[in-house]
């Protein structure tokens, strides 16, 4: 069974919500990327929560037959990337997220910046 990218995105968002991820942003990048359909960026309050969120996303995906293509950043757990193919998930501590502002790179809004960030 293959999940649609929309259903996979739903699973990721549900998994992040289960463990109270903060400032979750989902970006449709189909017109900007040949590699993935969606990018999800979320914050965890500590390295422990960032790791737990990433692990939960992977567990939920695997439970639905989706094997991650890879993941990075588990050691320090300041920023963990989980590549699920059609959906790429970035889970970051707030300071790291503020510094890199991935949402702005893909045309979205960085939570907490508002108009002052422009």
N, C-alpha and C. Protein backbone atom coordinates (compact mmCIF):
# COMPACT_ATOMS: atom_id res chain seq x y z
N UNK A 1 0.84 -1.18 0.00
CA UNK A 1 0.00 0.00 0.00
C UNK A 1 0.89 1.25 0.00
N UNK A 2 0.60 2.14 -0.94
CA UNK A 2 1.34 3.38 -1.03
C UNK A 2 0.44 4.52 -0.59
N UNK A 3 0.95 5.36 0.28
CA UNK A 3 0.19 6.51 0.75
C UNK A 3 0.35 7.67 -0.22
N UNK A 4 -0.69 8.43 -0.42
CA UNK A 4 -0.58 9.65 -1.20
C UNK A 4 0.24 10.65 -0.39
N UNK A 5 0.81 11.63 -1.06
CA UNK A 5 1.59 12.63 -0.33
C UNK A 5 0.69 13.40 0.62
N UNK A 6 -0.58 13.59 0.26
CA UNK A 6 -1.52 14.29 1.14
C UNK A 6 -1.77 13.49 2.42
N UNK A 7 -1.96 12.18 2.29
CA UNK A 7 -2.20 11.34 3.49
C UNK A 7 -0.95 11.26 4.35
N UNK A 8 0.22 11.16 3.72
CA UNK A 8 1.48 11.13 4.46
C UNK A 8 1.65 12.44 5.24
N UNK A 9 1.33 13.56 4.61
CA UNK A 9 1.41 14.85 5.29
C UNK A 9 0.46 14.87 6.50
N UNK A 10 -0.75 14.35 6.33
CA UNK A 10 -1.70 14.27 7.46
C UNK A 10 -1.11 13.47 8.61
N UNK A 11 -0.51 12.32 8.30
CA UNK A 11 0.09 11.48 9.34
C UNK A 11 1.20 12.22 10.09
N UNK A 12 2.04 12.93 9.34
CA UNK A 12 3.13 13.69 9.96
C UNK A 12 2.56 14.76 10.88
N UNK A 13 1.57 15.50 10.41
CA UNK A 13 0.98 16.57 11.22
C UNK A 13 0.31 16.01 12.47
N UNK A 14 -0.36 14.86 12.34
CA UNK A 14 -0.98 14.21 13.50
C UNK A 14 0.08 13.77 14.51
N UNK A 15 1.17 13.19 14.01
CA UNK A 15 2.25 12.72 14.90
C UNK A 15 2.86 13.90 15.66
N UNK A 16 3.07 15.01 14.98
CA UNK A 16 3.63 16.19 15.63
C UNK A 16 2.66 16.75 16.67
N UNK A 17 1.38 16.73 16.34
CA UNK A 17 0.37 17.22 17.28
C UNK A 17 0.28 16.32 18.51
N UNK A 18 0.43 15.01 18.31
CA UNK A 18 0.37 14.05 19.43
C UNK A 18 1.30 14.44 20.56
N UNK A 19 2.51 14.90 20.20
CA UNK A 19 3.53 15.22 21.21
C UNK A 19 3.72 16.72 21.39
N UNK A 20 2.71 17.49 20.99
CA UNK A 20 2.67 18.93 21.26
C UNK A 20 3.80 19.74 20.62
N UNK A 21 4.12 19.42 19.36
CA UNK A 21 5.08 20.26 18.63
C UNK A 21 4.51 21.68 18.56
N UNK A 22 5.41 22.64 18.53
CA UNK A 22 4.98 24.04 18.48
C UNK A 22 5.25 24.66 17.11
N UNK A 23 4.42 25.64 16.77
CA UNK A 23 4.61 26.43 15.54
C UNK A 23 4.81 25.55 14.31
N UNK A 24 3.92 24.60 14.10
CA UNK A 24 4.03 23.69 12.97
C UNK A 24 3.60 24.41 11.69
N UNK A 25 4.47 24.37 10.69
CA UNK A 25 4.20 24.99 9.41
C UNK A 25 4.37 23.93 8.32
N UNK A 26 3.40 23.86 7.43
CA UNK A 26 3.45 22.92 6.31
C UNK A 26 3.52 23.74 5.02
N UNK A 27 4.50 23.45 4.18
CA UNK A 27 4.68 24.20 2.94
C UNK A 27 4.56 23.26 1.74
N UNK A 28 3.69 23.60 0.80
CA UNK A 28 3.56 22.86 -0.45
C UNK A 28 4.64 23.36 -1.39
N UNK A 29 5.60 22.51 -1.73
CA UNK A 29 6.72 22.93 -2.56
C UNK A 29 6.75 22.21 -3.91
N UNK A 30 5.60 21.67 -4.32
CA UNK A 30 5.56 20.93 -5.59
C UNK A 30 6.01 21.76 -6.77
N UNK A 31 5.74 23.05 -6.78
CA UNK A 31 6.18 23.89 -7.89
C UNK A 31 7.62 24.36 -7.76
N UNK A 32 8.24 24.11 -6.60
CA UNK A 32 9.60 24.61 -6.35
C UNK A 32 10.64 23.50 -6.23
N UNK A 33 10.20 22.26 -6.05
CA UNK A 33 11.13 21.16 -5.81
C UNK A 33 10.72 19.92 -6.60
N UNK A 34 11.72 19.28 -7.17
CA UNK A 34 11.48 17.99 -7.84
C UNK A 34 11.70 16.84 -6.88
N UNK A 35 12.16 17.14 -5.67
CA UNK A 35 12.56 16.12 -4.72
C UNK A 35 11.44 15.74 -3.76
N UNK A 36 10.60 16.70 -3.38
CA UNK A 36 9.55 16.44 -2.40
C UNK A 36 8.33 17.28 -2.71
N UNK A 37 7.18 16.88 -2.16
CA UNK A 37 5.94 17.63 -2.36
C UNK A 37 5.68 18.63 -1.24
N UNK A 38 6.12 18.29 -0.03
CA UNK A 38 5.83 19.15 1.12
C UNK A 38 7.00 19.18 2.08
N UNK A 39 7.15 20.32 2.73
CA UNK A 39 8.13 20.48 3.79
C UNK A 39 7.35 20.88 5.04
N UNK A 40 7.65 20.20 6.13
CA UNK A 40 7.03 20.53 7.41
C UNK A 40 8.14 21.00 8.34
N UNK A 41 7.90 22.13 9.00
CA UNK A 41 8.85 22.66 9.97
C UNK A 41 8.11 22.79 11.29
N UNK A 42 8.72 22.28 12.36
CA UNK A 42 8.10 22.34 13.67
C UNK A 42 9.17 22.59 14.73
N UNK A 43 8.73 23.09 15.88
CA UNK A 43 9.65 23.35 16.98
C UNK A 43 9.37 22.41 18.15
N UNK A 44 10.46 22.02 18.82
CA UNK A 44 10.38 21.30 20.07
C UNK A 44 11.10 22.12 21.12
N UNK A 45 10.61 22.09 22.34
CA UNK A 45 11.12 22.96 23.40
C UNK A 45 12.52 22.61 23.88
N UNK A 46 12.95 21.37 23.68
CA UNK A 46 14.25 20.93 24.16
C UNK A 46 14.78 19.85 23.22
N UNK A 47 16.06 19.48 23.39
CA UNK A 47 16.58 18.41 22.54
C UNK A 47 15.84 17.10 22.79
N UNK A 48 15.40 16.89 24.01
CA UNK A 48 14.63 15.69 24.32
C UNK A 48 13.30 15.67 23.55
N UNK A 49 12.60 16.80 23.50
CA UNK A 49 11.33 16.84 22.77
C UNK A 49 11.57 16.75 21.27
N UNK A 50 12.60 17.42 20.76
CA UNK A 50 12.92 17.34 19.33
C UNK A 50 13.14 15.89 18.93
N UNK A 51 13.91 15.16 19.72
CA UNK A 51 14.18 13.74 19.43
C UNK A 51 12.90 12.91 19.53
N UNK A 52 12.09 13.15 20.55
CA UNK A 52 10.84 12.41 20.71
C UNK A 52 9.89 12.67 19.54
N UNK A 53 9.81 13.91 19.10
CA UNK A 53 8.96 14.25 17.95
C UNK A 53 9.43 13.53 16.69
N UNK A 54 10.73 13.56 16.43
CA UNK A 54 11.26 12.88 15.24
C UNK A 54 11.01 11.38 15.31
N UNK A 55 11.26 10.79 16.46
CA UNK A 55 11.02 9.35 16.63
C UNK A 55 9.56 9.00 16.39
N UNK A 56 8.66 9.84 16.89
CA UNK A 56 7.22 9.59 16.75
C UNK A 56 6.79 9.70 15.28
N UNK A 57 7.32 10.67 14.57
CA UNK A 57 7.03 10.81 13.14
C UNK A 57 7.47 9.55 12.40
N UNK A 58 8.67 9.07 12.69
CA UNK A 58 9.20 7.86 12.04
C UNK A 58 8.33 6.65 12.38
N UNK A 59 7.97 6.50 13.66
CA UNK A 59 7.13 5.36 14.07
C UNK A 59 5.79 5.37 13.34
N UNK A 60 5.15 6.55 13.27
CA UNK A 60 3.85 6.65 12.60
C UNK A 60 3.97 6.33 11.12
N UNK A 61 5.02 6.83 10.49
CA UNK A 61 5.22 6.56 9.06
C UNK A 61 5.42 5.06 8.83
N UNK A 62 6.30 4.45 9.63
CA UNK A 62 6.56 3.01 9.48
C UNK A 62 5.30 2.19 9.71
N UNK A 63 4.45 2.60 10.66
CA UNK A 63 3.21 1.88 10.95
C UNK A 63 2.27 1.90 9.75
N UNK A 64 2.47 2.85 8.85
CA UNK A 64 1.65 2.94 7.64
C UNK A 64 2.42 2.54 6.38
N UNK A 65 3.51 1.81 6.59
CA UNK A 65 4.26 1.25 5.47
C UNK A 65 5.23 2.19 4.79
N UNK A 66 5.51 3.33 5.39
CA UNK A 66 6.44 4.29 4.79
C UNK A 66 7.76 4.22 5.55
N UNK A 67 8.81 3.85 4.85
CA UNK A 67 10.14 3.80 5.44
C UNK A 67 10.86 5.12 5.14
N UNK A 68 11.42 5.76 6.15
CA UNK A 68 12.16 6.99 5.91
C UNK A 68 13.35 6.73 4.98
N UNK A 69 13.60 7.68 4.09
CA UNK A 69 14.75 7.57 3.20
C UNK A 69 16.03 7.91 3.95
N UNK A 70 15.87 8.64 5.05
CA UNK A 70 17.01 8.99 5.88
C UNK A 70 16.61 9.99 6.94
N UNK A 71 17.51 10.16 7.88
CA UNK A 71 17.31 11.20 8.89
C UNK A 71 18.69 11.64 9.37
N UNK A 72 18.74 12.88 9.84
CA UNK A 72 20.01 13.46 10.29
C UNK A 72 19.77 14.31 11.51
N UNK A 73 20.77 14.40 12.37
CA UNK A 73 20.74 15.32 13.48
C UNK A 73 20.32 14.73 14.81
N UNK A 74 20.16 13.41 14.87
CA UNK A 74 19.66 12.78 16.09
C UNK A 74 20.60 12.95 17.28
N UNK A 75 21.89 13.04 17.04
CA UNK A 75 22.85 13.11 18.15
C UNK A 75 22.64 14.36 19.00
N UNK A 76 22.74 15.53 18.39
CA UNK A 76 22.59 16.78 19.14
C UNK A 76 21.13 17.12 19.38
N UNK A 77 20.27 16.70 18.46
CA UNK A 77 18.82 16.92 18.53
C UNK A 77 18.45 18.40 18.66
N UNK A 78 19.25 19.26 18.03
CA UNK A 78 18.87 20.67 17.93
C UNK A 78 18.04 20.88 16.68
N UNK A 79 18.33 20.06 15.65
CA UNK A 79 17.62 20.11 14.38
C UNK A 79 17.67 18.70 13.80
N UNK A 80 16.52 18.07 13.70
CA UNK A 80 16.47 16.73 13.11
C UNK A 80 15.66 16.81 11.83
N UNK A 81 16.23 16.28 10.77
CA UNK A 81 15.57 16.20 9.48
C UNK A 81 15.15 14.75 9.28
N UNK A 82 13.88 14.55 8.92
CA UNK A 82 13.37 13.22 8.59
C UNK A 82 12.86 13.28 7.15
N UNK A 83 13.49 12.52 6.27
CA UNK A 83 13.12 12.49 4.85
C UNK A 83 12.20 11.31 4.60
N UNK A 84 10.93 11.61 4.35
CA UNK A 84 9.95 10.57 4.06
C UNK A 84 9.61 10.53 2.57
N UNK A 85 10.48 11.11 1.75
CA UNK A 85 10.23 11.13 0.30
C UNK A 85 9.32 12.28 -0.08
N UNK A 86 8.02 12.03 -0.12
CA UNK A 86 7.06 13.06 -0.52
C UNK A 86 6.93 14.17 0.52
N UNK A 87 7.35 13.89 1.75
CA UNK A 87 7.29 14.89 2.82
C UNK A 87 8.64 14.88 3.55
N UNK A 88 9.23 16.05 3.68
CA UNK A 88 10.47 16.20 4.43
C UNK A 88 10.14 17.01 5.68
N UNK A 89 10.55 16.49 6.84
CA UNK A 89 10.20 17.09 8.12
C UNK A 89 11.45 17.64 8.80
N UNK A 90 11.37 18.90 9.22
CA UNK A 90 12.44 19.55 9.97
C UNK A 90 11.90 19.85 11.36
N UNK A 91 12.51 19.29 12.38
CA UNK A 91 12.09 19.55 13.76
C UNK A 91 13.28 20.22 14.46
N UNK A 92 13.03 21.42 14.99
CA UNK A 92 14.13 22.24 15.48
C UNK A 92 13.82 22.85 16.83
N UNK A 93 14.87 23.14 17.58
CA UNK A 93 14.71 23.96 18.77
C UNK A 93 14.47 25.40 18.29
N UNK A 94 13.72 26.19 19.04
CA UNK A 94 13.34 27.53 18.58
C UNK A 94 14.49 28.43 18.15
N UNK A 95 15.59 28.45 18.88
CA UNK A 95 16.71 29.33 18.52
C UNK A 95 17.33 28.93 17.19
N UNK A 96 17.43 27.64 16.94
CA UNK A 96 17.98 27.15 15.68
C UNK A 96 17.03 27.50 14.54
N UNK A 97 15.75 27.31 14.78
CA UNK A 97 14.75 27.62 13.76
C UNK A 97 14.76 29.11 13.42
N UNK A 98 14.85 29.93 14.43
CA UNK A 98 14.89 31.39 14.22
C UNK A 98 16.12 31.78 13.41
N UNK A 99 17.24 31.14 13.68
CA UNK A 99 18.48 31.45 12.98
C UNK A 99 18.41 31.10 11.50
N UNK A 100 17.93 29.90 11.18
CA UNK A 100 17.93 29.42 9.79
C UNK A 100 16.72 29.87 8.98
N UNK A 101 15.59 30.10 9.62
CA UNK A 101 14.38 30.60 8.96
C UNK A 101 14.06 29.87 7.65
N UNK A 102 13.96 28.55 7.73
CA UNK A 102 13.68 27.73 6.55
C UNK A 102 12.41 28.13 5.83
N UNK A 103 11.39 28.51 6.60
CA UNK A 103 10.12 28.87 5.97
C UNK A 103 10.31 30.01 4.98
N UNK A 104 11.13 30.98 5.34
CA UNK A 104 11.36 32.12 4.44
C UNK A 104 12.07 31.68 3.17
N UNK A 105 12.96 30.71 3.28
CA UNK A 105 13.65 30.21 2.08
C UNK A 105 12.68 29.62 1.07
N UNK A 106 11.58 29.04 1.58
CA UNK A 106 10.60 28.39 0.70
C UNK A 106 9.37 29.27 0.48
N UNK A 107 9.44 30.53 0.86
CA UNK A 107 8.35 31.45 0.57
C UNK A 107 7.27 31.52 1.62
N UNK A 108 7.52 30.95 2.79
CA UNK A 108 6.54 31.00 3.87
C UNK A 108 6.92 32.03 4.91
N UNK A 109 6.19 32.04 6.00
CA UNK A 109 6.41 32.99 7.09
C UNK A 109 7.04 32.25 8.26
N UNK A 110 8.03 32.82 8.87
CA UNK A 110 8.66 32.23 10.05
C UNK A 110 7.84 32.62 11.28
N UNK A 111 7.32 31.63 12.03
CA UNK A 111 6.53 31.97 13.21
C UNK A 111 7.33 32.84 14.18
N UNK A 112 6.64 33.80 14.76
CA UNK A 112 7.28 34.65 15.75
C UNK A 112 7.99 35.85 15.15
N UNK A 113 8.19 35.88 13.84
CA UNK A 113 8.86 37.03 13.25
C UNK A 113 7.87 38.11 12.85
N UNK A 114 6.74 37.70 12.32
CA UNK A 114 5.76 38.68 11.88
C UNK A 114 6.34 39.63 10.86
N UNK A 115 5.83 40.83 10.82
CA UNK A 115 6.29 41.82 9.84
C UNK A 115 7.68 42.33 10.14
N UNK A 116 8.11 42.24 11.38
CA UNK A 116 9.44 42.75 11.73
C UNK A 116 10.55 41.99 11.03
N UNK A 117 10.28 40.77 10.61
CA UNK A 117 11.30 39.97 9.97
C UNK A 117 11.49 40.25 8.50
N UNK A 118 10.68 41.14 7.96
CA UNK A 118 10.77 41.41 6.52
C UNK A 118 11.64 42.59 6.22
